[in-house]
Amino acid sequence: MKQQFDRAALAPILHEGIAALDLNLSVEQSEKLLDYLALLAKWNSVYNLTSVRDPMQMLTLHVLDSLAAIPAFADAKNVLDVGAGGGLPGMVLAISRPDMKVAMIDTVHKKTAFLTQVKAELGLSNVTVYTKRVEQLEVQQKFDVITSRAFADLSDFVNWSGHLLEEGGQFIALKGVAPPDERERLPAEWKVSELRPIQVPGLNAERHLVFIARVLI
């Protein structure tokens, strides 16, 4: 059953979440986040971009969850979101930080078609979308931050995309419990530099950011 998108009900929840996270977003940015959520809900009914169907749950589990990670990207200038799917956290980052370049990559054409549509409809000039495997991606300018949300095991994440990270850059993975076995399986040249718990407004669940940097030998 298609869930009704009730913008009037969603807007105050979003605004409360932004305030709780102490994010400095303009009215225009908040409206764009709601526009993005509306597109995600609309496309999801046809293309199955996320298993979450209810727009109110999408707001908490996807948008606010991604917004909670925004402070970690304070110094980032050029970010790659690997396995971007429906644009989480990439689209939320791009809307919240128009000064930052955000590239998103996914192997699934319907997902990157959606991301391209969002870029066009919301006028996001800081967004680039790639349809391919991240291992095969080559870029002229490497990324200072590479991120992912529920994409893969941490060791696969760094092995597949490490060639795209600029010197001195870091990985930021959005995880739930950040299992220690994943951290232990990281290749020798990578180490977890920080494990940061984050609190998502309206969500009573464990969430962590895992920061991974190259070990200087």
C-alpha atoms as a PDB file:
ATOM      1  CA  MET A   1       0.000   0.000   0.000  1.00  0.00           C
ATOM      2  CA  LYS A   2       1.309   3.431  -0.945  1.00  0.00           C
ATOM      3  CA  GLN A   3       1.843   5.591   2.123  1.00  0.00           C
ATOM      4  CA  GLN A   4       0.513   9.143   2.024  1.00  0.00           C
ATOM      5  CA  PHE A   5       3.175  11.872   1.941  1.00  0.00           C
ATOM      6  CA  ASP A   6       1.970  14.479   4.428  1.00  0.00           C
ATOM      7  CA  ARG A   7       4.392  17.389   4.127  1.00  0.00           C
ATOM      8  CA  ALA A   8       2.589  19.451   6.779  1.00  0.00           C
ATOM      9  CA  ALA A   9       3.046  16.647   9.339  1.00  0.00           C
ATOM     10  CA  LEU A  10       6.655  15.913   8.356  1.00  0.00           C
ATOM     11  CA  ALA A  11       7.951  19.505   8.350  1.00  0.00           C
ATOM     12  CA  PRO A  12       7.795  20.164  12.120  1.00  0.00           C
ATOM     13  CA  ILE A  13       9.449  16.802  12.875  1.00  0.00           C
ATOM     14  CA  LEU A  14      12.287  17.700  10.505  1.00  0.00           C
ATOM     15  CA  HIS A  15      12.659  21.185  12.011  1.00  0.00           C
ATOM     16  CA  GLU A  16      12.714  19.767  15.550  1.00  0.00           C
ATOM     17  CA  GLY A  17      15.362  17.246  14.492  1.00  0.00           C
ATOM     18  CA  ILE A  18      17.539  19.926  12.883  1.00  0.00           C
ATOM     19  CA  ALA A  19      17.264  22.025  16.065  1.00  0.00           C
ATOM     20  CA  ALA A  20      18.085  19.022  18.285  1.00  0.00           C
ATOM     21  CA  LEU A  21      21.193  18.337  16.200  1.00  0.00           C
ATOM     22  CA  ASP A  22      22.160  22.034  16.434  1.00  0.00           C
ATOM     23  CA  LEU A  23      22.550  22.290  12.649  1.00  0.00           C
ATOM     24  CA  ASN A  24      22.532  25.679  10.984  1.00  0.00           C
ATOM     25  CA  LEU A  25      20.301  24.999   7.978  1.00  0.00           C
ATOM     26  CA  SER A  26      18.302  27.644   6.108  1.00  0.00           C
ATOM     27  CA  VAL A  27      14.571  27.456   5.394  1.00  0.00           C
ATOM     28  CA  GLU A  28      15.478  26.723   1.759  1.00  0.00           C
ATOM     29  CA  GLN A  29      17.672  23.788   2.793  1.00  0.00           C
ATOM     30  CA  SER A  30      14.916  22.380   5.022  1.00  0.00           C
ATOM     31  CA  GLU A  31      12.463  22.662   2.126  1.00  0.00           C
ATOM     32  CA  LYS A  32      14.917  20.853  -0.164  1.00  0.00           C
ATOM     33  CA  LEU A  33      15.244  18.041   2.370  1.00  0.00           C
ATOM     34  CA  LEU A  34      11.446  17.677   2.321  1.00  0.00           C
ATOM     35  CA  ASP A  35      11.493  17.814  -1.505  1.00  0.00           C
ATOM     36  CA  TYR A  36      14.090  15.041  -1.513  1.00  0.00           C
ATOM     37  CA  LEU A  37      12.014  12.979   0.930  1.00  0.00           C
ATOM     38  CA  ALA A  38       8.932  13.448  -1.284  1.00  0.00           C
ATOM     39  CA  LEU A  39      10.872  12.197  -4.327  1.00  0.00           C
ATOM     40  CA  LEU A  40      12.265   9.250  -2.356  1.00  0.00           C
ATOM     41  CA  ALA A  41       8.762   8.246  -1.237  1.00  0.00           C
ATOM     42  CA  LYS A  42       7.369   8.662  -4.764  1.00  0.00           C
ATOM     43  CA  TRP A  43      10.100   6.688  -6.536  1.00  0.00           C
ATOM     44  CA  ASN A  44      10.218   4.074  -3.787  1.00  0.00           C
ATOM     45  CA  SER A  45       6.664   2.988  -4.526  1.00  0.00           C
ATOM     46  CA  VAL A  46       7.835   1.918  -7.995  1.00  0.00           C
ATOM     47  CA  TYR A  47      11.568   1.225  -7.771  1.00  0.00           C
ATOM     48  CA  ASN A  48      12.001  -0.152  -4.233  1.00  0.00           C
ATOM     49  CA  LEU A  49      14.899   2.133  -3.251  1.00  0.00           C
ATOM     50  CA  THR A  50      14.437   1.365   0.446  1.00  0.00           C
ATOM     51  CA  SER A  51      12.509  -1.221   2.450  1.00  0.00           C
ATOM     52  CA  VAL A  52      11.085   1.596   4.589  1.00  0.00           C
ATOM     53  CA  ARG A  53       7.679   2.576   3.180  1.00  0.00           C
ATOM     54  CA  ASP A  54       6.267   5.094   5.639  1.00  0.00           C
ATOM     55  CA  PRO A  55       7.524   8.674   4.923  1.00  0.00           C
ATOM     56  CA  MET A  56       7.552   9.469   8.656  1.00  0.00           C
ATOM     57  CA  GLN A  57       9.856   6.504   9.254  1.00  0.00           C
ATOM     58  CA  MET A  58      11.934   7.512   6.223  1.00  0.00           C
ATOM     59  CA  LEU A  59      12.379  10.932   7.811  1.00  0.00           C
ATOM     60  CA  THR A  60      13.766   9.479  11.051  1.00  0.00           C
ATOM     61  CA  LEU A  61      15.572   6.369   9.821  1.00  0.00           C
ATOM     62  CA  HIS A  62      17.103   7.960   6.713  1.00  0.00           C
ATOM     63  CA  VAL A  63      17.101  11.764   6.688  1.00  0.00           C
ATOM     64  CA  LEU A  64      17.640  12.527  10.386  1.00  0.00           C
ATOM     65  CA  ASP A  65      20.041   9.579  10.625  1.00  0.00           C
ATOM     66  CA  SER A  66      22.136  11.129   7.840  1.00  0.00           C
ATOM     67  CA  LEU A  67      21.811  14.648   9.288  1.00  0.00           C
ATOM     68  CA  ALA A  68      23.225  13.375  12.601  1.00  0.00           C
ATOM     69  CA  ALA A  69      26.483  12.628  10.765  1.00  0.00           C
ATOM     70  CA  ILE A  70      26.831  16.132   9.256  1.00  0.00           C
ATOM     71  CA  PRO A  71      29.189  17.553  11.942  1.00  0.00           C
ATOM     72  CA  ALA A  72      31.724  14.820  11.152  1.00  0.00           C
ATOM     73  CA  PHE A  73      32.105  16.287   7.650  1.00  0.00           C
ATOM     74  CA  ALA A  74      32.889  19.823   8.882  1.00  0.00           C
ATOM     75  CA  ASP A  75      36.308  19.960   7.174  1.00  0.00           C
ATOM     76  CA  ALA A  76      35.399  17.890   4.110  1.00  0.00           C
ATOM     77  CA  LYS A  77      35.545  19.504   0.666  1.00  0.00           C
ATOM     78  CA  ASN A  78      35.182  16.600  -1.759  1.00  0.00           C
ATOM     79  CA  VAL A  79      33.204  13.546  -0.620  1.00  0.00           C
ATOM     80  CA  LEU A  80      32.363  10.195  -2.231  1.00  0.00           C
ATOM     81  CA  ASP A  81      29.334   8.207  -1.040  1.00  0.00           C
ATOM     82  CA  VAL A  82      29.893   4.539  -1.936  1.00  0.00           C
ATOM     83  CA  GLY A  83      26.840   2.346  -2.506  1.00  0.00           C
ATOM     84  CA  ALA A  84      24.749   5.505  -2.336  1.00  0.00           C
ATOM     85  CA  GLY A  85      21.446   3.734  -3.029  1.00  0.00           C
ATOM     86  CA  GLY A  86      18.670   6.271  -2.568  1.00  0.00           C
ATOM     87  CA  GLY A  87      21.180   9.000  -1.683  1.00  0.00           C
ATOM     88  CA  LEU A  88      21.940   8.388   1.977  1.00  0.00           C
ATOM     89  CA  PRO A  89      23.918  10.080   3.293  1.00  0.00           C
ATOM     90  CA  GLY A  90      25.088  11.668   0.004  1.00  0.00           C
ATOM     91  CA  MET A  91      21.999  13.687  -0.942  1.00  0.00           C
ATOM     92  CA  VAL A  92      21.480  14.862   2.630  1.00  0.00           C
ATOM     93  CA  LEU A  93      25.140  15.972   2.743  1.00  0.00           C
ATOM     94  CA  ALA A  94      24.835  17.755  -0.596  1.00  0.00           C
ATOM     95  CA  ILE A  95      21.720  19.678   0.485  1.00  0.00           C
ATOM     96  CA  SER A  96      23.160  20.540   3.900  1.00  0.00           C
ATOM     97  CA  ARG A  97      26.600  21.535   2.597  1.00  0.00           C
ATOM     98  CA  PRO A  98      26.252  23.271  -0.794  1.00  0.00           C
ATOM     99  CA  ASP A  99      29.886  24.389  -0.471  1.00  0.00           C
ATOM    100  CA  MET A 100      31.050  20.755  -0.573  1.00  0.00           C
ATOM    101  CA  LYS A 101      31.331  18.550  -3.658  1.00  0.00           C
ATOM    102  CA  VAL A 102      29.483  15.251  -3.230  1.00  0.00           C
ATOM    103  CA  ALA A 103      29.871  12.316  -5.619  1.00  0.00           C
ATOM    104  CA  MET A 104      27.622   9.259  -5.307  1.00  0.00           C
ATOM    105  CA  ILE A 105      28.264   5.871  -6.840  1.00  0.00           C
ATOM    106  CA  ASP A 106      26.065   2.782  -7.138  1.00  0.00           C
ATOM    107  CA  THR A 107      25.975  -0.195  -9.493  1.00  0.00           C
ATOM    108  CA  VAL A 108      22.171  -0.229  -9.774  1.00  0.00           C
ATOM    109  CA  HIS A 109      20.870   1.877 -12.676  1.00  0.00           C
ATOM    110  CA  LYS A 110      17.444   2.577 -11.170  1.00  0.00           C
ATOM    111  CA  LYS A 111      19.114   4.017  -8.069  1.00  0.00           C
ATOM    112  CA  THR A 112      21.490   6.279  -9.985  1.00  0.00           C
ATOM    113  CA  ALA A 113      18.594   7.333 -12.266  1.00  0.00           C
ATOM    114  CA  PHE A 114      16.786   8.448  -9.113  1.00  0.00           C
ATOM    115  CA  LEU A 115      19.859  10.322  -7.848  1.00  0.00           C
ATOM    116  CA  THR A 116      20.239  12.053 -11.213  1.00  0.00           C
ATOM    117  CA  GLN A 117      16.581  13.070 -11.098  1.00  0.00           C
ATOM    118  CA  VAL A 118      16.956  14.492  -7.575  1.00  0.00           C
ATOM    119  CA  LYS A 119      20.037  16.442  -8.675  1.00  0.00           C
ATOM    120  CA  ALA A 120      18.079  17.958 -11.572  1.00  0.00           C
ATOM    121  CA  GLU A 121      14.850  18.717  -9.699  1.00  0.00           C
ATOM    122  CA  LEU A 122      16.566  20.260  -6.670  1.00  0.00           C
ATOM    123  CA  GLY A 123      19.223  22.080  -8.713  1.00  0.00           C
ATOM    124  CA  LEU A 124      22.150  20.519  -6.843  1.00  0.00           C
ATOM    125  CA  SER A 125      25.174  21.712  -8.825  1.00  0.00           C
ATOM    126  CA  ASN A 126      27.565  20.195  -6.266  1.00  0.00           C
ATOM    127  CA  VAL A 127      26.441  16.610  -7.019  1.00  0.00           C
ATOM    128  CA  THR A 128      28.022  14.040  -9.385  1.00  0.00           C
ATOM    129  CA  VAL A 129      26.510  10.583  -9.956  1.00  0.00           C
ATOM    130  CA  TYR A 130      28.358   7.472 -11.189  1.00  0.00           C
ATOM    131  CA  THR A 131      26.849   4.143 -12.261  1.00  0.00           C
ATOM    132  CA  LYS A 132      29.589   1.537 -11.851  1.00  0.00           C
ATOM    133  CA  ARG A 133      31.514  -0.557  -9.386  1.00  0.00           C
ATOM    134  CA  VAL A 134      33.630   1.585  -7.088  1.00  0.00           C
ATOM    135  CA  GLU A 135      36.673  -0.624  -7.761  1.00  0.00           C
ATOM    136  CA  GLN A 136      36.532   0.489 -11.415  1.00  0.00           C
ATOM    137  CA  LEU A 137      36.073   4.207 -10.749  1.00  0.00           C
ATOM    138  CA  GLU A 138      38.918   6.511 -11.704  1.00  0.00           C
ATOM    139  CA  VAL A 139      38.839  10.245 -10.998  1.00  0.00           C
ATOM    140  CA  GLN A 140      41.134  13.173 -11.694  1.00  0.00           C
ATOM    141  CA  GLN A 141      40.691  14.611  -8.218  1.00  0.00           C
ATOM    142  CA  LYS A 142      40.711  12.130  -5.353  1.00  0.00           C
ATOM    143  CA  PHE A 143      38.395  12.513  -2.347  1.00  0.00           C
ATOM    144  CA  ASP A 144      39.309  13.807   1.100  1.00  0.00           C
ATOM    145  CA  VAL A 145      36.435  11.820   2.651  1.00  0.00           C
ATOM    146  CA  ILE A 146      34.852   8.578   1.444  1.00  0.00           C
ATOM    147  CA  THR A 147      31.666   7.578   3.226  1.00  0.00           C
ATOM    148  CA  SER A 148      29.084   4.803   3.177  1.00  0.00           C
ATOM    149  CA  ARG A 149      25.973   3.861   5.074  1.00  0.00           C
ATOM    150  CA  ALA A 150      25.214   0.176   5.616  1.00  0.00           C
ATOM    151  CA  PHE A 151      27.186  -0.565   2.456  1.00  0.00           C
ATOM    152  CA  ALA A 152      29.598  -3.394   3.224  1.00  0.00           C
ATOM    153  CA  ASP A 153      32.023  -4.907   5.679  1.00  0.00           C
ATOM    154  CA  LEU A 154      34.600  -2.269   6.641  1.00  0.00           C
ATOM    155  CA  SER A 155      37.480  -4.240   5.109  1.00  0.00           C
ATOM    156  CA  ASP A 156      35.652  -4.524   1.762  1.00  0.00           C
ATOM    157  CA  PHE A 157      34.784  -0.834   1.943  1.00  0.00           C
ATOM    158  CA  VAL A 158      38.427   0.265   2.263  1.00  0.00           C
ATOM    159  CA  ASN A 159      39.792  -2.388  -0.116  1.00  0.00           C
ATOM    160  CA  TRP A 160      37.370  -1.477  -2.901  1.00  0.00           C
ATOM    161  CA  SER A 161      37.625   2.298  -2.619  1.00  0.00           C
ATOM    162  CA  GLY A 162      41.020   3.003  -1.030  1.00  0.00           C
ATOM    163  CA  HIS A 163      42.538   3.960  -4.398  1.00  0.00           C
ATOM    164  CA  LEU A 164      40.161   6.958  -4.511  1.00  0.00           C
ATOM    165  CA  LEU A 165      41.192   8.478  -1.164  1.00  0.00           C
ATOM    166  CA  GLU A 166      43.623  11.346  -1.305  1.00  0.00           C
ATOM    167  CA  GLU A 167      46.706  11.362   0.911  1.00  0.00           C
ATOM    168  CA  GLY A 168      45.721  12.392   4.424  1.00  0.00           C
ATOM    169  CA  GLY A 169      42.034  11.665   3.737  1.00  0.00           C
ATOM    170  CA  GLN A 170      39.764   9.446   5.798  1.00  0.00           C
ATOM    171  CA  PHE A 171      36.845   7.055   5.575  1.00  0.00           C
ATOM    172  CA  ILE A 172      33.689   7.765   7.590  1.00  0.00           C
ATOM    173  CA  ALA A 173      31.334   4.786   7.745  1.00  0.00           C
ATOM    174  CA  LEU A 174      27.813   5.143   9.167  1.00  0.00           C
ATOM    175  CA  LYS A 175      27.119   2.010  11.165  1.00  0.00           C
ATOM    176  CA  GLY A 176      24.765   0.674  13.804  1.00  0.00           C
ATOM    177  CA  VAL A 177      26.734  -1.148  16.468  1.00  0.00           C
ATOM    178  CA  ALA A 178      30.077  -1.016  14.605  1.00  0.00           C
ATOM    179  CA  PRO A 179      30.964  -4.682  15.294  1.00  0.00           C
ATOM    180  CA  PRO A 180      34.486  -5.202  16.639  1.00  0.00           C
ATOM    181  CA  ASP A 181      35.128  -8.195  14.331  1.00  0.00           C
ATOM    182  CA  GLU A 182      34.759  -5.907  11.299  1.00  0.00           C
ATOM    183  CA  ARG A 183      37.258  -3.474  12.769  1.00  0.00           C
ATOM    184  CA  GLU A 184      39.683  -6.305  13.507  1.00  0.00           C
ATOM    185  CA  ARG A 185      39.492  -7.542   9.890  1.00  0.00           C
ATOM    186  CA  LEU A 186      40.731  -4.238   8.469  1.00  0.00           C
ATOM    187  CA  PRO A 187      43.860  -4.590   6.305  1.00  0.00           C
ATOM    188  CA  ALA A 188      47.132  -3.750   8.073  1.00  0.00           C
ATOM    189  CA  GLU A 189      47.523  -0.375   6.349  1.00  0.00           C
ATOM    190  CA  TRP A 190      44.211   0.921   7.749  1.00  0.00           C
ATOM    191  CA  LYS A 191      43.148   1.573  11.325  1.00  0.00           C
ATOM    192  CA  VAL A 192      40.083   2.895  13.118  1.00  0.00           C
ATOM    193  CA  SER A 193      41.090   6.359  14.328  1.00  0.00           C
ATOM    194  CA  GLU A 194      37.796   7.043  16.110  1.00  0.00           C
ATOM    195  CA  LEU A 195      34.524   5.325  16.935  1.00  0.00           C
ATOM    196  CA  ARG A 196      31.977   8.080  17.576  1.00  0.00           C
ATOM    197  CA  PRO A 197      28.476   7.355  18.922  1.00  0.00           C
ATOM    198  CA  ILE A 198      25.776   9.627  17.496  1.00  0.00           C
ATOM    199  CA  GLN A 199      22.248  10.284  18.675  1.00  0.00           C
ATOM    200  CA  VAL A 200      19.518  10.433  16.042  1.00  0.00           C
ATOM    201  CA  PRO A 201      16.463  12.478  17.110  1.00  0.00           C
ATOM    202  CA  GLY A 202      13.440  10.236  17.532  1.00  0.00           C
ATOM    203  CA  LEU A 203      15.458   7.034  17.160  1.00  0.00           C
ATOM    204  CA  ASN A 204      16.152   4.800  20.132  1.00  0.00           C
ATOM    205  CA  ALA A 205      18.894   2.727  18.532  1.00  0.00           C
ATOM    206  CA  GLU A 206      22.656   2.496  18.611  1.00  0.00           C
ATOM    207  CA  ARG A 207      24.385   4.469  15.831  1.00  0.00           C
ATOM    208  CA  HIS A 208      28.101   5.029  15.308  1.00  0.00           C
ATOM    209  CA  LEU A 209      30.443   6.758  12.937  1.00  0.00           C
ATOM    210  CA  VAL A 210      33.592   4.764  12.216  1.00  0.00           C
ATOM    211  CA  PHE A 211      36.570   6.900  11.168  1.00  0.00           C
ATOM    212  CA  ILE A 212      39.297   5.002   9.327  1.00  0.00           C
ATOM    213  CA  ALA A 213      42.676   6.406   8.308  1.00  0.00           C
ATOM    214  CA  ARG A 214      45.734   5.011   6.574  1.00  0.00           C
ATOM    215  CA  VAL A 215      48.534   3.948   8.933  1.00  0.00           C
ATOM    216  CA  LEU A 216      51.755   5.816   8.287  1.00  0.00           C
ATOM    217  CA  ILE A 217      54.537   3.243   8.125  1.00  0.00           C
END
